[in-house]
Amino acid sequence: MKKISKKKTYCTVCPKWEIKIPERCSNTLKAKSKTHYFCTKRCKERYLKAPEKFA
């Protein structure tokens, strides 16, 4: 059985949305040795258009 992360993970674009099980999140992006999590595909697309806004 995999360990479930105890640290809270939030969407990179709308940080009020918590990603409950980051290991199962399908909307992720690895950039500069950091994994970004997104609550929806739309948030991921917004990040890809202007990542400097969410740094």
N, C-alpha and C. Protein backbone atom coordinates (compact mmCIF):
# COMPACT_ATOMS: atom_id res chain seq x y z
N MET A 1 0.85 -1.18 0.00
CA MET A 1 0.00 0.00 0.00
C MET A 1 0.89 1.25 0.00
N LYS A 2 0.57 2.20 -0.86
CA LYS A 2 1.34 3.44 -0.95
C LYS A 2 1.05 4.36 0.21
N LYS A 3 2.07 5.12 0.58
CA LYS A 3 1.86 6.13 1.62
C LYS A 3 1.11 7.31 1.03
N ILE A 4 0.17 7.81 1.76
CA ILE A 4 -0.58 9.00 1.33
C ILE A 4 0.08 10.22 1.96
N SER A 5 0.28 11.23 1.15
CA SER A 5 0.96 12.44 1.61
C SER A 5 0.17 13.11 2.73
N LYS A 6 0.87 13.52 3.79
CA LYS A 6 0.21 14.21 4.90
C LYS A 6 0.26 15.71 4.73
N LYS A 7 1.21 16.20 3.90
CA LYS A 7 1.31 17.63 3.64
C LYS A 7 0.18 18.04 2.70
N LYS A 8 -0.48 19.13 3.00
CA LYS A 8 -1.57 19.58 2.15
C LYS A 8 -1.02 20.14 0.84
N THR A 9 -1.69 19.81 -0.24
CA THR A 9 -1.29 20.24 -1.58
C THR A 9 -2.44 21.02 -2.17
N TYR A 10 -2.10 22.16 -2.78
CA TYR A 10 -3.13 23.02 -3.35
C TYR A 10 -2.90 23.24 -4.83
N CYS A 11 -3.94 23.61 -5.54
CA CYS A 11 -3.86 23.94 -6.96
C CYS A 11 -2.94 25.15 -7.12
N THR A 12 -2.08 25.10 -8.13
CA THR A 12 -1.13 26.19 -8.38
C THR A 12 -1.85 27.46 -8.83
N VAL A 13 -2.93 27.31 -9.59
CA VAL A 13 -3.65 28.47 -10.15
C VAL A 13 -4.65 29.05 -9.16
N CYS A 14 -5.43 28.20 -8.53
CA CYS A 14 -6.40 28.69 -7.54
C CYS A 14 -6.09 28.00 -6.21
N PRO A 15 -5.19 28.60 -5.42
CA PRO A 15 -4.67 27.94 -4.23
C PRO A 15 -5.66 27.67 -3.11
N LYS A 16 -6.91 28.08 -3.25
CA LYS A 16 -7.89 27.75 -2.22
C LYS A 16 -8.39 26.30 -2.37
N TRP A 17 -8.14 25.68 -3.53
CA TRP A 17 -8.59 24.31 -3.79
C TRP A 17 -7.52 23.32 -3.40
N GLU A 18 -7.83 22.51 -2.42
CA GLU A 18 -6.89 21.49 -1.95
C GLU A 18 -6.98 20.25 -2.83
N ILE A 19 -5.81 19.70 -3.18
CA ILE A 19 -5.76 18.45 -3.91
C ILE A 19 -5.71 17.36 -2.84
N LYS A 20 -6.80 16.64 -2.66
CA LYS A 20 -6.93 15.69 -1.56
C LYS A 20 -5.94 14.53 -1.65
N ILE A 21 -5.77 13.96 -2.86
CA ILE A 21 -4.85 12.84 -3.04
C ILE A 21 -3.93 13.17 -4.21
N PRO A 22 -2.84 13.89 -3.95
CA PRO A 22 -1.95 14.33 -5.02
C PRO A 22 -1.39 13.19 -5.86
N GLU A 23 -1.20 12.02 -5.26
CA GLU A 23 -0.66 10.87 -5.98
C GLU A 23 -1.59 10.42 -7.11
N ARG A 24 -2.85 10.73 -7.01
CA ARG A 24 -3.83 10.32 -8.01
C ARG A 24 -4.28 11.47 -8.91
N CYS A 25 -3.71 12.63 -8.74
CA CYS A 25 -4.09 13.80 -9.52
C CYS A 25 -3.62 13.64 -10.97
N SER A 26 -4.52 13.79 -11.91
CA SER A 26 -4.16 13.63 -13.33
C SER A 26 -3.71 14.94 -13.97
N ASN A 27 -3.97 16.05 -13.33
CA ASN A 27 -3.57 17.36 -13.86
C ASN A 27 -2.32 17.84 -13.13
N THR A 28 -1.17 17.34 -13.58
CA THR A 28 0.10 17.73 -12.97
C THR A 28 1.07 18.16 -14.05
N LEU A 29 2.09 18.87 -13.62
CA LEU A 29 3.13 19.33 -14.53
C LEU A 29 4.42 19.44 -13.75
N LYS A 30 5.48 18.83 -14.28
CA LYS A 30 6.80 18.93 -13.64
C LYS A 30 7.60 20.01 -14.35
N ALA A 31 8.08 20.97 -13.58
CA ALA A 31 8.88 22.07 -14.13
C ALA A 31 9.92 22.49 -13.11
N LYS A 32 11.16 22.55 -13.55
CA LYS A 32 12.26 22.99 -12.68
C LYS A 32 12.30 22.21 -11.37
N SER A 33 12.28 20.92 -11.47
CA SER A 33 12.34 19.99 -10.33
C SER A 33 11.22 20.20 -9.31
N LYS A 34 10.11 20.76 -9.73
CA LYS A 34 8.95 20.95 -8.86
C LYS A 34 7.72 20.43 -9.59
N THR A 35 6.84 19.80 -8.85
CA THR A 35 5.59 19.31 -9.44
C THR A 35 4.48 20.28 -9.10
N HIS A 36 3.78 20.73 -10.14
CA HIS A 36 2.64 21.63 -9.97
C HIS A 36 1.37 20.80 -10.10
N TYR A 37 0.43 21.05 -9.21
CA TYR A 37 -0.85 20.34 -9.23
C TYR A 37 -1.95 21.32 -9.60
N PHE A 38 -2.94 20.83 -10.35
CA PHE A 38 -4.04 21.67 -10.79
C PHE A 38 -5.36 20.95 -10.51
N CYS A 39 -6.36 21.71 -10.08
CA CYS A 39 -7.64 21.10 -9.74
C CYS A 39 -8.43 20.71 -11.00
N THR A 40 -8.19 21.41 -12.10
CA THR A 40 -8.88 21.08 -13.36
C THR A 40 -7.93 21.23 -14.54
N LYS A 41 -8.35 20.70 -15.67
CA LYS A 41 -7.57 20.84 -16.90
C LYS A 41 -7.49 22.31 -17.30
N ARG A 42 -8.54 23.05 -17.05
CA ARG A 42 -8.56 24.48 -17.39
C ARG A 42 -7.50 25.25 -16.61
N CYS A 43 -7.32 24.93 -15.34
CA CYS A 43 -6.28 25.59 -14.52
C CYS A 43 -4.90 25.29 -15.09
N LYS A 44 -4.69 24.05 -15.51
CA LYS A 44 -3.41 23.67 -16.10
C LYS A 44 -3.15 24.46 -17.38
N GLU A 45 -4.17 24.62 -18.21
CA GLU A 45 -4.04 25.39 -19.45
C GLU A 45 -3.75 26.86 -19.16
N ARG A 46 -4.39 27.42 -18.14
CA ARG A 46 -4.12 28.81 -17.75
C ARG A 46 -2.68 28.97 -17.31
N TYR A 47 -2.17 28.02 -16.56
CA TYR A 47 -0.77 28.06 -16.10
C TYR A 47 0.19 27.99 -17.29
N LEU A 48 -0.08 27.11 -18.23
CA LEU A 48 0.80 26.94 -19.39
C LEU A 48 0.85 28.20 -20.26
N LYS A 49 -0.23 28.96 -20.30
CA LYS A 49 -0.26 30.21 -21.09
C LYS A 49 0.59 31.30 -20.46
N ALA A 50 0.63 31.35 -19.13
CA ALA A 50 1.37 32.44 -18.45
C ALA A 50 1.90 31.95 -17.10
N PRO A 51 2.93 31.08 -17.10
CA PRO A 51 3.44 30.55 -15.82
C PRO A 51 4.05 31.61 -14.91
N GLU A 52 4.52 32.71 -15.47
CA GLU A 52 5.12 33.77 -14.64
C GLU A 52 4.09 34.42 -13.71
N LYS A 53 2.83 34.37 -14.06
CA LYS A 53 1.77 34.94 -13.21
C LYS A 53 1.59 34.15 -11.91
N PHE A 54 1.97 32.88 -11.93
CA PHE A 54 1.71 32.02 -10.78
C PHE A 54 2.98 31.61 -10.05
N ALA A 55 4.05 32.34 -10.27
CA ALA A 55 5.33 32.00 -9.62
C ALA A 55 5.36 32.37 -8.16
